[in-house]
Amino acid sequence: MNIKELNPDSSPQAAFGAHLRTCREERGWKQEDLAAEMEYSSTHISSVETGRKMPTLRFSRSADRALGTGDQFERRWRELKHGVLLEGFPEFAGLEGRATEIRLYEIGIIPGLLQTPDYARILANSAVKRGAITPEQATERVSFLAERQAVLERPRPPMVFVVMDESCVRRSVGGPAVMNAQLDRLIEFAARPNTVLQLAPFDIGERRTFDLPVTLLTLPDRSVACYAEAQTLGRLDRESTSVLPVLTAYHQLQAESVSQAESVEMIQQLRKGTP
């Protein structure tokens, strides 16, 4: 039988296919065997293995179930689909979707989970104008953000704590109409039973505990992961010795920030156009 040789280094899609073939062969399965377990045709399996067909999220999760590989193929699919994102972010996004508690801090812009589609699109289009990404990648970013925001609407949504630097609500993005709608979204978010929204005012001064955005995820097993990013690099950390001090700093930041009621009042005043 003529077996097509694969070069995993030629592309992320080829690497996915090569890994699928390796896992299948380690079990001693033919393509027909894997196809039966995954409820796909053997032709479909062959097309993914040889890089002729792009895997889907459903396919990747089915492969993980059939081959007992945890979430290996789902993570590879996220890296393949969202290659334009910062390193570490696809894995973080997968954990975010399963988190029971989300704590985040943002500077300068509204956090992604709280952005309106128009606000997100303005930011993505700005990146296109700067030549940082392509129009297709901008569309992908906005679409991916909508997928992430679905975590807030699931039957048992996570508890979400948000601390935003005051600059997030004072920096105008997209003009008055876009910004007013975004401020309305923040007020609606704060009214939910599973959310807490606080602003860290400018006069917090040196008591601000973070200089960069940070997100902390409490997972179903009660472990905590931390994701932080700079301009061109994202880093996901799951080591408790380094994550717990970040969690402590987050609690300290919450204590220094104004209450949710005061934060909403500040946002409402901005919405009305008053300082």
Protein backbone atom coordinates (compact mmCIF):
# COMPACT_ATOMS: atom_id res chain seq x y z
CA MET A 1 0.00 0.00 0.00
CA ASN A 2 1.36 3.44 -0.97
CA ILE A 3 1.58 5.53 2.21
CA LYS A 4 2.18 9.22 1.70
CA GLU A 5 5.19 10.50 3.62
CA LEU A 6 4.43 13.48 5.83
CA ASN A 7 6.66 16.38 6.83
CA PRO A 8 5.31 17.65 10.17
CA ASP A 9 7.52 20.72 9.91
CA SER A 10 6.02 21.87 6.61
CA SER A 11 2.93 23.44 8.24
CA PRO A 12 0.80 23.30 11.41
CA GLN A 13 -1.84 21.42 9.40
CA ALA A 14 0.71 18.78 8.36
CA ALA A 15 1.87 18.49 11.99
CA PHE A 16 -1.72 17.83 13.08
CA GLY A 17 -2.12 15.12 10.44
CA ALA A 18 1.19 13.48 11.27
CA HIS A 19 0.30 13.38 14.98
CA LEU A 20 -3.07 11.83 14.17
CA ARG A 21 -1.40 9.13 12.08
CA THR A 22 1.20 8.42 14.79
CA CYS A 23 -1.44 8.06 17.52
CA ARG A 24 -3.55 5.80 15.30
CA GLU A 25 -0.63 3.55 14.37
CA GLU A 26 0.52 3.29 17.99
CA ARG A 27 -2.84 1.66 18.70
CA GLY A 28 -2.41 -0.70 15.77
CA TRP A 29 -5.47 0.77 14.05
CA LYS A 30 -6.10 1.18 10.38
CA GLN A 31 -7.80 4.33 9.12
CA GLU A 32 -11.05 2.35 8.92
CA ASP A 33 -10.79 1.46 12.62
CA LEU A 34 -10.30 5.08 13.68
CA ALA A 35 -13.06 6.18 11.33
CA ALA A 36 -15.50 3.81 13.01
CA GLU A 37 -14.54 5.05 16.49
CA MET A 38 -14.83 8.71 15.46
CA GLU A 39 -17.93 8.26 13.27
CA TYR A 40 -16.19 9.72 10.23
CA SER A 41 -15.38 8.12 6.89
CA SER A 42 -11.93 6.60 6.33
CA THR A 43 -11.55 9.00 3.41
CA HIS A 44 -12.02 11.92 5.80
CA ILE A 45 -9.41 10.48 8.19
CA SER A 46 -6.98 10.05 5.29
CA SER A 47 -7.53 13.62 4.11
CA VAL A 48 -6.77 15.05 7.53
CA GLU A 49 -3.73 12.82 8.04
CA THR A 50 -2.22 13.89 4.73
CA GLY A 51 -3.01 17.56 5.25
CA ARG A 52 -5.52 17.80 2.42
CA LYS A 53 -8.40 18.65 4.74
CA MET A 54 -8.44 21.09 7.65
CA PRO A 55 -9.60 19.48 10.93
CA THR A 56 -12.55 21.02 12.77
CA LEU A 57 -13.15 21.43 16.48
CA ARG A 58 -15.68 18.59 16.40
CA PHE A 59 -13.20 16.34 14.58
CA SER A 60 -10.43 17.19 17.06
CA ARG A 61 -12.56 16.45 20.10
CA SER A 62 -13.73 13.19 18.52
CA ALA A 63 -10.10 12.21 17.91
CA ASP A 64 -9.23 12.92 21.55
CA ARG A 65 -12.13 10.72 22.73
CA ALA A 66 -11.34 7.88 20.35
CA LEU A 67 -7.59 7.85 20.99
CA GLY A 68 -7.70 8.71 24.69
CA THR A 69 -5.39 11.69 24.21
CA GLY A 70 -7.00 14.08 26.71
CA ASP A 71 -7.27 17.39 24.87
CA GLN A 72 -4.14 17.09 22.70
CA PHE A 73 -5.95 17.37 19.38
CA GLU A 74 -8.26 20.12 20.58
CA ARG A 75 -5.22 22.17 21.67
CA ARG A 76 -3.49 21.51 18.35
CA TRP A 77 -6.65 22.61 16.53
CA ARG A 78 -6.79 25.86 18.52
CA GLU A 79 -3.13 26.56 17.74
CA LEU A 80 -3.80 25.77 14.08
CA LYS A 81 -6.94 27.89 13.84
CA HIS A 82 -5.72 30.81 15.89
CA GLY A 83 -2.11 30.97 14.82
CA VAL A 84 -2.28 34.77 14.58
CA LEU A 85 -2.77 35.00 18.35
CA LEU A 86 0.01 35.44 20.86
CA GLU A 87 1.97 32.40 21.95
CA GLY A 88 0.22 30.72 24.87
CA PHE A 89 -3.14 32.31 24.15
CA PRO A 90 -4.86 29.35 22.40
CA GLU A 91 -4.15 27.10 25.41
CA PHE A 92 -5.32 29.85 27.75
CA ALA A 93 -8.56 30.25 25.77
CA GLY A 94 -9.27 26.54 26.13
CA LEU A 95 -8.88 26.76 29.91
CA GLU A 96 -10.93 29.95 30.05
CA GLY A 97 -13.89 28.11 28.53
CA ARG A 98 -13.84 25.60 31.42
CA ALA A 99 -13.02 27.94 34.30
CA THR A 100 -15.31 28.21 37.31
CA GLU A 101 -13.92 31.63 38.27
CA ILE A 102 -12.25 34.27 36.11
CA ARG A 103 -10.32 37.21 37.55
CA LEU A 104 -8.93 39.75 35.13
CA TYR A 105 -7.23 43.12 35.11
CA GLU A 106 -6.87 45.33 32.06
CA ILE A 107 -5.15 48.62 31.21
CA GLY A 108 -6.07 51.00 28.40
CA ILE A 109 -8.78 49.02 26.61
CA ILE A 110 -11.96 47.22 27.63
CA PRO A 111 -11.23 43.54 28.39
CA GLY A 112 -12.04 41.20 25.51
CA LEU A 113 -14.77 39.29 27.36
CA LEU A 114 -16.68 42.56 27.83
CA GLN A 115 -16.14 44.13 24.40
CA THR A 116 -19.05 44.83 22.04
CA PRO A 117 -18.61 43.55 18.46
CA ASP A 118 -18.22 47.12 17.16
CA TYR A 119 -15.57 47.99 19.76
CA ALA A 120 -13.65 44.77 18.98
CA ARG A 121 -13.90 45.40 15.23
CA ILE A 122 -12.52 48.93 15.58
CA LEU A 123 -9.47 47.60 17.43
CA ALA A 124 -8.91 44.82 14.88
CA ASN A 125 -9.26 47.21 11.94
CA SER A 126 -6.76 49.55 13.57
CA ALA A 127 -4.26 46.70 13.67
CA VAL A 128 -4.88 46.12 9.93
CA LYS A 129 -4.17 49.79 9.16
CA ARG A 130 -0.89 49.54 11.05
CA GLY A 131 0.06 46.48 9.00
CA ALA A 132 0.18 44.28 12.09
CA ILE A 133 -2.39 41.76 10.78
CA THR A 134 -4.29 41.06 7.57
CA PRO A 135 -8.00 41.83 7.03
CA GLU A 136 -8.67 38.08 7.19
CA GLN A 137 -6.89 37.82 10.51
CA ALA A 138 -8.88 40.77 11.82
CA THR A 139 -12.11 38.99 10.96
CA GLU A 140 -10.82 35.86 12.67
CA ARG A 141 -9.96 37.80 15.82
CA VAL A 142 -13.44 39.26 16.12
CA SER A 143 -15.04 35.87 15.45
CA PHE A 144 -12.81 34.16 18.00
CA LEU A 145 -13.68 36.80 20.58
CA ALA A 146 -17.38 36.02 20.11
CA GLU A 147 -16.59 32.34 20.75
CA ARG A 148 -14.76 33.24 23.97
CA GLN A 149 -17.62 35.42 25.19
CA ALA A 150 -19.94 32.42 25.00
CA VAL A 151 -18.47 31.36 28.36
CA LEU A 152 -20.58 34.11 29.97
CA GLU A 153 -23.79 32.63 28.56
CA ARG A 154 -23.34 28.95 29.36
CA PRO A 155 -25.95 27.28 31.67
CA ARG A 156 -23.63 27.51 34.69
CA PRO A 157 -21.47 30.55 33.93
CA PRO A 158 -18.27 31.22 35.86
CA MET A 159 -17.98 33.86 38.55
CA VAL A 160 -16.21 36.76 36.82
CA PHE A 161 -14.26 39.43 38.70
CA VAL A 162 -13.08 42.38 36.61
CA VAL A 163 -10.81 45.22 37.67
CA MET A 164 -10.19 47.83 34.97
CA ASP A 165 -7.78 50.71 35.11
CA GLU A 166 -9.70 53.99 34.80
CA SER A 167 -7.98 54.50 31.43
CA CYS A 168 -10.11 51.69 29.98
CA VAL A 169 -13.33 53.71 30.23
CA ARG A 170 -11.83 57.13 29.55
CA ARG A 171 -10.00 56.17 26.36
CA SER A 172 -12.40 56.72 23.46
CA VAL A 173 -12.47 53.98 20.83
CA GLY A 174 -14.49 54.30 17.62
CA GLY A 175 -16.24 57.56 18.45
CA PRO A 176 -19.21 58.43 20.72
CA ALA A 177 -21.71 55.88 19.36
CA VAL A 178 -19.36 52.91 19.69
CA MET A 179 -18.10 54.06 23.08
CA ASN A 180 -21.56 54.73 24.50
CA ALA A 181 -22.71 51.25 23.48
CA GLN A 182 -19.58 49.82 25.10
CA LEU A 183 -20.25 51.65 28.35
CA ASP A 184 -23.81 50.35 28.28
CA ARG A 185 -22.37 46.83 27.97
CA LEU A 186 -20.26 47.39 31.09
CA ILE A 187 -23.27 48.56 33.09
CA GLU A 188 -25.25 45.51 31.95
CA PHE A 189 -22.33 43.23 32.83
CA ALA A 190 -22.11 44.65 36.36
CA ALA A 191 -25.81 43.90 36.93
CA ARG A 192 -25.36 40.16 36.48
CA PRO A 193 -25.51 37.94 39.58
CA ASN A 194 -22.21 36.22 38.78
CA THR A 195 -20.04 39.29 38.11
CA VAL A 196 -18.13 41.97 40.00
CA LEU A 197 -16.88 45.05 38.15
CA GLN A 198 -14.47 47.53 39.74
CA LEU A 199 -12.45 50.47 38.46
CA ALA A 200 -8.91 51.14 39.65
CA PRO A 201 -8.88 54.98 39.66
CA PHE A 202 -5.92 57.06 38.52
CA ASP A 203 -5.33 58.27 42.05
CA ILE A 204 -4.54 54.72 43.18
CA GLY A 205 -0.98 55.74 42.29
CA GLU A 206 1.77 53.42 43.45
CA ARG A 207 -0.77 51.10 45.09
CA ARG A 208 -1.64 49.61 41.71
CA THR A 209 -0.22 46.08 41.92
CA PHE A 210 0.07 45.30 38.18
CA ASP A 211 1.72 47.15 35.32
CA LEU A 212 0.43 44.77 32.63
CA PRO A 213 -2.89 42.99 31.98
CA VAL A 214 -3.33 39.71 33.84
CA THR A 215 -5.98 36.98 34.01
CA LEU A 216 -6.37 34.31 36.69
CA LEU A 217 -8.47 31.21 36.04
CA THR A 218 -9.81 28.91 38.75
CA LEU A 219 -10.37 25.53 37.12
CA PRO A 220 -12.88 22.80 38.10
CA ASP A 221 -10.21 21.00 40.14
CA ARG A 222 -9.64 24.29 42.06
CA SER A 223 -6.16 24.77 40.60
CA VAL A 224 -5.36 28.29 39.42
CA ALA A 225 -3.72 29.31 36.15
CA CYS A 226 -2.33 32.73 35.32
CA TYR A 227 -2.07 34.30 31.89
CA ALA A 228 -0.19 37.56 31.30
CA GLU A 229 0.94 39.19 28.11
CA ALA A 230 3.25 41.91 26.88
CA GLN A 231 3.12 43.54 23.44
CA THR A 232 4.25 40.48 21.49
CA LEU A 233 4.28 37.60 23.96
CA GLY A 234 1.74 35.79 26.10
CA ARG A 235 2.63 33.43 28.95
CA LEU A 236 0.44 30.83 30.65
CA ASP A 237 1.61 29.69 34.09
CA ARG A 238 0.08 26.84 36.10
CA GLU A 239 2.76 26.46 38.78
CA SER A 240 1.20 27.26 42.17
CA THR A 241 4.44 28.70 43.58
CA SER A 242 4.40 31.49 41.00
CA VAL A 243 0.62 31.83 40.51
CA LEU A 244 -0.41 32.27 44.17
CA PRO A 245 1.57 35.52 44.64
CA VAL A 246 -0.24 36.90 41.59
CA LEU A 247 -3.57 35.93 43.15
CA THR A 248 -2.56 37.76 46.34
CA ALA A 249 -1.64 40.85 44.33
CA TYR A 250 -5.03 40.68 42.59
CA HIS A 251 -6.85 40.67 45.93
CA GLN A 252 -4.77 43.63 47.05
CA LEU A 253 -5.72 45.49 43.85
CA GLN A 254 -9.42 44.78 44.47
CA ALA A 255 -9.10 46.23 47.97
CA GLU A 256 -7.58 49.45 46.59
CA SER A 257 -10.14 49.82 43.78
CA VAL A 258 -13.51 51.55 44.17
CA SER A 259 -16.63 49.45 44.82
CA GLN A 260 -18.85 48.13 42.07
CA ALA A 261 -21.56 50.67 42.90
CA GLU A 262 -19.06 53.54 42.69
CA SER A 263 -17.59 52.07 39.49
CA VAL A 264 -20.98 51.87 37.81
CA GLU A 265 -21.71 55.46 38.88
CA MET A 266 -18.45 56.60 37.27
CA ILE A 267 -19.34 54.77 34.05
CA GLN A 268 -22.83 56.23 34.03
CA GLN A 269 -21.41 59.75 34.41
CA LEU A 270 -19.11 59.13 31.46
CA ARG A 271 -22.06 57.76 29.49
CA LYS A 272 -23.86 61.05 30.12
CA GLY A 273 -20.83 63.00 28.95
CA THR A 274 -19.93 64.43 32.35
CA PRO A 275 -16.38 64.21 33.78
